[in-house]
Amino acid sequence: MTPRSGQYRMADHLAGGKLAEVLGAKFDAGVPWEVVSRHLFAEFGIDVTGQTLRRWALVLGLTDAEAAS
């Protein structure tokens, strides 16, 4: 399942349709969501908070999303 918000859809578009894959890889590597937020801005121009990333991660099924904060 993917988040349905317009913000997620736009971010996914900017990431070339691979946002869930990018988030999953960062989660698996144990990268804190605030650091992921900075990476997304630098790499794709996506301006999103770590808190929003945690919410998206939960919807994406990254079950320890709070732990990776």
PDB file of N, CA and C in Angstrom:
ATOM      1  N   MET A   1       0.844  -1.183   0.000  1.00  0.00           N
ATOM      2  CA  MET A   1       0.000   0.000   0.000  1.00  0.00           C
ATOM      3  C   MET A   1       0.886   1.242   0.000  1.00  0.00           C
ATOM      4  N   THR A   2       0.481   2.256  -0.715  1.00  0.00           N
ATOM      5  CA  THR A   2       1.237   3.504  -0.740  1.00  0.00           C
ATOM      6  C   THR A   2       0.400   4.640  -0.173  1.00  0.00           C
ATOM      7  N   PRO A   3       1.056   5.638   0.392  1.00  0.00           N
ATOM      8  CA  PRO A   3       0.313   6.809   0.878  1.00  0.00           C
ATOM      9  C   PRO A   3      -0.453   7.454  -0.267  1.00  0.00           C
ATOM     10  N   ARG A   4      -1.597   8.032   0.041  1.00  0.00           N
ATOM     11  CA  ARG A   4      -2.462   8.600  -0.993  1.00  0.00           C
ATOM     12  C   ARG A   4      -2.368  10.111  -1.111  1.00  0.00           C
ATOM     13  N   SER A   5      -1.602  10.747  -0.254  1.00  0.00           N
ATOM     14  CA  SER A   5      -1.572  12.209  -0.260  1.00  0.00           C
ATOM     15  C   SER A   5      -0.957  12.753  -1.545  1.00  0.00           C
ATOM     16  N   GLY A   6      -1.388  13.936  -1.892  1.00  0.00           N
ATOM     17  CA  GLY A   6      -0.812  14.610  -3.044  1.00  0.00           C
ATOM     18  C   GLY A   6       0.670  14.869  -2.849  1.00  0.00           C
ATOM     19  N   GLN A   7       1.069  15.136  -1.619  1.00  0.00           N
ATOM     20  CA  GLN A   7       2.477  15.389  -1.323  1.00  0.00           C
ATOM     21  C   GLN A   7       3.312  14.138  -1.620  1.00  0.00           C
ATOM     22  N   TYR A   8       2.812  12.966  -1.234  1.00  0.00           N
ATOM     23  CA  TYR A   8       3.543  11.729  -1.523  1.00  0.00           C
ATOM     24  C   TYR A   8       3.631  11.497  -3.031  1.00  0.00           C
ATOM     25  N   ARG A   9       2.509  11.688  -3.719  1.00  0.00           N
ATOM     26  CA  ARG A   9       2.507  11.453  -5.162  1.00  0.00           C
ATOM     27  C   ARG A   9       3.486  12.372  -5.886  1.00  0.00           C
ATOM     28  N   MET A  10       3.552  13.640  -5.462  1.00  0.00           N
ATOM     29  CA  MET A  10       4.490  14.572  -6.080  1.00  0.00           C
ATOM     30  C   MET A  10       5.929  14.171  -5.754  1.00  0.00           C
ATOM     31  N   ALA A  11       6.178  13.803  -4.509  1.00  0.00           N
ATOM     32  CA  ALA A  11       7.524  13.374  -4.119  1.00  0.00           C
ATOM     33  C   ALA A  11       7.936  12.130  -4.907  1.00  0.00           C
ATOM     34  N   ASP A  12       7.022  11.198  -5.073  1.00  0.00           N
ATOM     35  CA  ASP A  12       7.312   9.987  -5.835  1.00  0.00           C
ATOM     36  C   ASP A  12       7.624  10.339  -7.290  1.00  0.00           C
ATOM     37  N   HIS A  13       6.885  11.269  -7.841  1.00  0.00           N
ATOM     38  CA  HIS A  13       7.136  11.722  -9.215  1.00  0.00           C
ATOM     39  C   HIS A  13       8.545  12.320  -9.334  1.00  0.00           C
ATOM     40  N   LEU A  14       8.908  13.174  -8.373  1.00  0.00           N
ATOM     41  CA  LEU A  14      10.236  13.792  -8.403  1.00  0.00           C
ATOM     42  C   LEU A  14      11.349  12.757  -8.250  1.00  0.00           C
ATOM     43  N   ALA A  15      11.046  11.659  -7.554  1.00  0.00           N
ATOM     44  CA  ALA A  15      12.030  10.591  -7.348  1.00  0.00           C
ATOM     45  C   ALA A  15      11.979   9.558  -8.470  1.00  0.00           C
ATOM     46  N   GLY A  16      11.332   9.889  -9.546  1.00  0.00           N
ATOM     47  CA  GLY A  16      11.281   8.987 -10.696  1.00  0.00           C
ATOM     48  C   GLY A  16      10.438   7.745 -10.463  1.00  0.00           C
ATOM     49  N   GLY A  17       9.445   7.858  -9.570  1.00  0.00           N
ATOM     50  CA  GLY A  17       8.562   6.719  -9.294  1.00  0.00           C
ATOM     51  C   GLY A  17       9.182   5.683  -8.376  1.00  0.00           C
ATOM     52  N   LYS A  18      10.296   6.013  -7.745  1.00  0.00           N
ATOM     53  CA  LYS A  18      11.012   5.047  -6.910  1.00  0.00           C
ATOM     54  C   LYS A  18      11.107   5.480  -5.452  1.00  0.00           C
ATOM     55  N   LEU A  19      10.196   6.340  -5.003  1.00  0.00           N
ATOM     56  CA  LEU A  19      10.287   6.845  -3.632  1.00  0.00           C
ATOM     57  C   LEU A  19      10.177   5.720  -2.611  1.00  0.00           C
ATOM     58  N   ALA A  20       9.249   4.801  -2.798  1.00  0.00           N
ATOM     59  CA  ALA A  20       9.093   3.693  -1.844  1.00  0.00           C
ATOM     60  C   ALA A  20      10.378   2.867  -1.776  1.00  0.00           C
ATOM     61  N   GLU A  21      11.008   2.656  -2.916  1.00  0.00           N
ATOM     62  CA  GLU A  21      12.263   1.907  -2.963  1.00  0.00           C
ATOM     63  C   GLU A  21      13.375   2.649  -2.219  1.00  0.00           C
ATOM     64  N   VAL A  22      13.458   3.957  -2.436  1.00  0.00           N
ATOM     65  CA  VAL A  22      14.471   4.775  -1.759  1.00  0.00           C
ATOM     66  C   VAL A  22      14.236   4.745  -0.253  1.00  0.00           C
ATOM     67  N   LEU A  23      12.995   4.932   0.174  1.00  0.00           N
ATOM     68  CA  LEU A  23      12.694   4.928   1.608  1.00  0.00           C
ATOM     69  C   LEU A  23      12.990   3.572   2.230  1.00  0.00           C
ATOM     70  N   GLY A  24      12.646   2.505   1.522  1.00  0.00           N
ATOM     71  CA  GLY A  24      12.921   1.163   2.024  1.00  0.00           C
ATOM     72  C   GLY A  24      14.412   0.914   2.200  1.00  0.00           C
ATOM     73  N   ALA A  25      15.204   1.360   1.241  1.00  0.00           N
ATOM     74  CA  ALA A  25      16.654   1.171   1.327  1.00  0.00           C
ATOM     75  C   ALA A  25      17.240   1.966   2.488  1.00  0.00           C
ATOM     76  N   LYS A  26      16.791   3.189   2.657  1.00  0.00           N
ATOM     77  CA  LYS A  26      17.291   4.012   3.766  1.00  0.00           C
ATOM     78  C   LYS A  26      16.865   3.414   5.105  1.00  0.00           C
ATOM     79  N   PHE A  27      15.630   2.928   5.168  1.00  0.00           N
ATOM     80  CA  PHE A  27      15.137   2.294   6.389  1.00  0.00           C
ATOM     81  C   PHE A  27      15.969   1.059   6.723  1.00  0.00           C
ATOM     82  N   ASP A  28      16.197   0.215   5.725  1.00  0.00           N
ATOM     83  CA  ASP A  28      16.989  -1.001   5.928  1.00  0.00           C
ATOM     84  C   ASP A  28      18.406  -0.683   6.407  1.00  0.00           C
ATOM     85  N   ALA A  29      18.940   0.443   5.957  1.00  0.00           N
ATOM     86  CA  ALA A  29      20.289   0.853   6.356  1.00  0.00           C
ATOM     87  C   ALA A  29      20.308   1.542   7.719  1.00  0.00           C
ATOM     88  N   GLY A  30      19.114   1.780   8.289  1.00  0.00           N
ATOM     89  CA  GLY A  30      19.040   2.409   9.607  1.00  0.00           C
ATOM     90  C   GLY A  30      19.297   3.905   9.610  1.00  0.00           C
ATOM     91  N   VAL A  31      19.112   4.548   8.462  1.00  0.00           N
ATOM     92  CA  VAL A  31      19.340   5.993   8.362  1.00  0.00           C
ATOM     93  C   VAL A  31      18.178   6.724   9.041  1.00  0.00           C
ATOM     94  N   PRO A  32      18.461   7.655   9.964  1.00  0.00           N
ATOM     95  CA  PRO A  32      17.390   8.419  10.621  1.00  0.00           C
ATOM     96  C   PRO A  32      16.566   9.209   9.602  1.00  0.00           C
ATOM     97  N   TRP A  33      15.274   9.326   9.867  1.00  0.00           N
ATOM     98  CA  TRP A  33      14.372   9.991   8.929  1.00  0.00           C
ATOM     99  C   TRP A  33      14.741  11.439   8.669  1.00  0.00           C
ATOM    100  N   GLU A  34      15.268  12.138   9.654  1.00  0.00           N
ATOM    101  CA  GLU A  34      15.695  13.525   9.425  1.00  0.00           C
ATOM    102  C   GLU A  34      16.850  13.576   8.417  1.00  0.00           C
ATOM    103  N   VAL A  35      17.729  12.594   8.458  1.00  0.00           N
ATOM    104  CA  VAL A  35      18.832  12.514   7.494  1.00  0.00           C
ATOM    105  C   VAL A  35      18.287  12.148   6.117  1.00  0.00           C
ATOM    106  N   VAL A  36      17.326  11.244   6.077  1.00  0.00           N
ATOM    107  CA  VAL A  36      16.683  10.878   4.806  1.00  0.00           C
ATOM    108  C   VAL A  36      16.029  12.120   4.191  1.00  0.00           C
ATOM    109  N   SER A  37      15.410  12.922   5.036  1.00  0.00           N
ATOM    110  CA  SER A  37      14.772  14.148   4.562  1.00  0.00           C
ATOM    111  C   SER A  37      15.783  15.040   3.842  1.00  0.00           C
ATOM    112  N   ARG A  38      16.954  15.213   4.434  1.00  0.00           N
ATOM    113  CA  ARG A  38      17.987  16.039   3.802  1.00  0.00           C
ATOM    114  C   ARG A  38      18.488  15.410   2.502  1.00  0.00           C
ATOM    115  N   HIS A  39      18.609  14.097   2.496  1.00  0.00           N
ATOM    116  CA  HIS A  39      19.038  13.394   1.279  1.00  0.00           C
ATOM    117  C   HIS A  39      18.025  13.605   0.148  1.00  0.00           C
ATOM    118  N   LEU A  40      16.741  13.470   0.456  1.00  0.00           N
ATOM    119  CA  LEU A  40      15.711  13.632  -0.569  1.00  0.00           C
ATOM    120  C   LEU A  40      15.735  15.034  -1.159  1.00  0.00           C
ATOM    121  N   PHE A  41      16.009  16.029  -0.309  1.00  0.00           N
ATOM    122  CA  PHE A  41      16.078  17.397  -0.819  1.00  0.00           C
ATOM    123  C   PHE A  41      17.300  17.576  -1.720  1.00  0.00           C
ATOM    124  N   ALA A  42      18.435  17.068  -1.279  1.00  0.00           N
ATOM    125  CA  ALA A  42      19.668  17.224  -2.057  1.00  0.00           C
ATOM    126  C   ALA A  42      19.617  16.450  -3.370  1.00  0.00           C
ATOM    127  N   GLU A  43      19.055  15.251  -3.335  1.00  0.00           N
ATOM    128  CA  GLU A  43      19.063  14.375  -4.510  1.00  0.00           C
ATOM    129  C   GLU A  43      17.948  14.680  -5.513  1.00  0.00           C
ATOM    130  N   PHE A  44      16.747  14.990  -4.975  1.00  0.00           N
ATOM    131  CA  PHE A  44      15.576  15.111  -5.850  1.00  0.00           C
ATOM    132  C   PHE A  44      14.834  16.443  -5.742  1.00  0.00           C
ATOM    133  N   GLY A  45      15.232  17.301  -4.799  1.00  0.00           N
ATOM    134  CA  GLY A  45      14.501  18.550  -4.591  1.00  0.00           C
ATOM    135  C   GLY A  45      13.205  18.349  -3.830  1.00  0.00           C
ATOM    136  N   ILE A  46      13.094  17.233  -3.095  1.00  0.00           N
ATOM    137  CA  ILE A  46      11.885  16.931  -2.320  1.00  0.00           C
ATOM    138  C   ILE A  46      12.056  17.538  -0.931  1.00  0.00           C
ATOM    139  N   ASP A  47      11.153  18.444  -0.567  1.00  0.00           N
ATOM    140  CA  ASP A  47      11.208  19.110   0.734  1.00  0.00           C
ATOM    141  C   ASP A  47      10.139  18.502   1.633  1.00  0.00           C
ATOM    142  N   VAL A  48      10.558  17.617   2.528  1.00  0.00           N
ATOM    143  CA  VAL A  48       9.631  16.892   3.393  1.00  0.00           C
ATOM    144  C   VAL A  48      10.306  16.689   4.745  1.00  0.00           C
ATOM    145  N   THR A  49       9.503  16.672   5.806  1.00  0.00           N
ATOM    146  CA  THR A  49      10.062  16.507   7.151  1.00  0.00           C
ATOM    147  C   THR A  49      10.259  15.041   7.499  1.00  0.00           C
ATOM    148  N   GLY A  50      11.104  14.814   8.479  1.00  0.00           N
ATOM    149  CA  GLY A  50      11.295  13.452   8.988  1.00  0.00           C
ATOM    150  C   GLY A  50      10.007  12.878   9.544  1.00  0.00           C
ATOM    151  N   GLN A  51       9.182  13.714  10.171  1.00  0.00           N
ATOM    152  CA  GLN A  51       7.904  13.250  10.716  1.00  0.00           C
ATOM    153  C   GLN A  51       6.994  12.738   9.600  1.00  0.00           C
ATOM    154  N   THR A  52       6.940  13.445   8.500  1.00  0.00           N
ATOM    155  CA  THR A  52       6.139  12.989   7.360  1.00  0.00           C
ATOM    156  C   THR A  52       6.688  11.680   6.813  1.00  0.00           C
ATOM    157  N   LEU A  53       7.998  11.570   6.738  1.00  0.00           N
ATOM    158  CA  LEU A  53       8.610  10.324   6.257  1.00  0.00           C
ATOM    159  C   LEU A  53       8.251   9.155   7.168  1.00  0.00           C
ATOM    160  N   ARG A  54       8.216   9.374   8.471  1.00  0.00           N
ATOM    161  CA  ARG A  54       7.817   8.311   9.409  1.00  0.00           C
ATOM    162  C   ARG A  54       6.382   7.855   9.131  1.00  0.00           C
ATOM    163  N   ARG A  55       5.485   8.811   8.876  1.00  0.00           N
ATOM    164  CA  ARG A  55       4.090   8.447   8.570  1.00  0.00           C
ATOM    165  C   ARG A  55       4.011   7.655   7.274  1.00  0.00           C
ATOM    166  N   TRP A  56       4.722   8.102   6.246  1.00  0.00           N
ATOM    167  CA  TRP A  56       4.728   7.380   4.976  1.00  0.00           C
ATOM    168  C   TRP A  56       5.294   5.983   5.161  1.00  0.00           C
ATOM    169  N   ALA A  57       6.362   5.870   5.933  1.00  0.00           N
ATOM    170  CA  ALA A  57       7.001   4.567   6.155  1.00  0.00           C
ATOM    171  C   ALA A  57       6.037   3.586   6.803  1.00  0.00           C
ATOM    172  N   LEU A  58       5.242   4.055   7.741  1.00  0.00           N
ATOM    173  CA  LEU A  58       4.259   3.175   8.380  1.00  0.00           C
ATOM    174  C   LEU A  58       3.240   2.665   7.366  1.00  0.00           C
ATOM    175  N   VAL A  59       2.774   3.560   6.502  1.00  0.00           N
ATOM    176  CA  VAL A  59       1.804   3.156   5.469  1.00  0.00           C
ATOM    177  C   VAL A  59       2.453   2.185   4.487  1.00  0.00           C
ATOM    178  N   LEU A  60       3.737   2.388   4.206  1.00  0.00           N
ATOM    179  CA  LEU A  60       4.454   1.513   3.283  1.00  0.00           C
ATOM    180  C   LEU A  60       4.798   0.159   3.902  1.00  0.00           C
ATOM    181  N   GLY A  61       4.517  -0.007   5.186  1.00  0.00           N
ATOM    182  CA  GLY A  61       4.769  -1.282   5.838  1.00  0.00           C
ATOM    183  C   GLY A  61       6.153  -1.423   6.440  1.00  0.00           C
ATOM    184  N   LEU A  62       6.845  -0.311   6.583  1.00  0.00           N
ATOM    185  CA  LEU A  62       8.134  -0.342   7.254  1.00  0.00           C
ATOM    186  C   LEU A  62       7.826  -0.305   8.748  1.00  0.00           C
ATOM    187  N   THR A  63       7.680  -1.476   9.343  1.00  0.00           N
ATOM    188  CA  THR A  63       7.037  -1.612  10.646  1.00  0.00           C
ATOM    189  C   THR A  63       7.771  -0.982  11.811  1.00  0.00           C
ATOM    190  N   ASP A  64       9.073  -0.826  11.705  1.00  0.00           N
ATOM    191  CA  ASP A  64       9.811  -0.185  12.789  1.00  0.00           C
ATOM    192  C   ASP A  64      10.120   1.260  12.450  1.00  0.00           C
ATOM    193  N   ALA A  65       9.199   1.935  11.775  1.00  0.00           N
ATOM    194  CA  ALA A  65       9.430   3.287  11.300  1.00  0.00           C
ATOM    195  C   ALA A  65       9.762   4.241  12.444  1.00  0.00           C
ATOM    196  N   GLU A  66       9.151   4.053  13.593  1.00  0.00           N
ATOM    197  CA  GLU A  66       9.442   4.912  14.722  1.00  0.00           C
ATOM    198  C   GLU A  66      10.859   4.679  15.229  1.00  0.00           C
ATOM    199  N   ALA A  67      11.327   3.453  15.171  1.00  0.00           N
ATOM    200  CA  ALA A  67      12.660   3.114  15.660  1.00  0.00           C
ATOM    201  C   ALA A  67      13.753   3.738  14.810  1.00  0.00           C
ATOM    202  N   ALA A  68      13.478   3.978  13.557  1.00  0.00           N
ATOM    203  CA  ALA A  68      14.489   4.528  12.654  1.00  0.00           C
ATOM    204  C   ALA A  68      14.537   6.058  12.729  1.00  0.00           C
ATOM    205  N   SER A  69      13.804   6.615  13.649  1.00  0.00           N
ATOM    206  CA  SER A  69      13.782   8.069  13.768  1.00  0.00           C
ATOM    207  C   SER A  69      15.042   8.535  14.435  1.00  0.00           C
TER     208      SER A  69
END
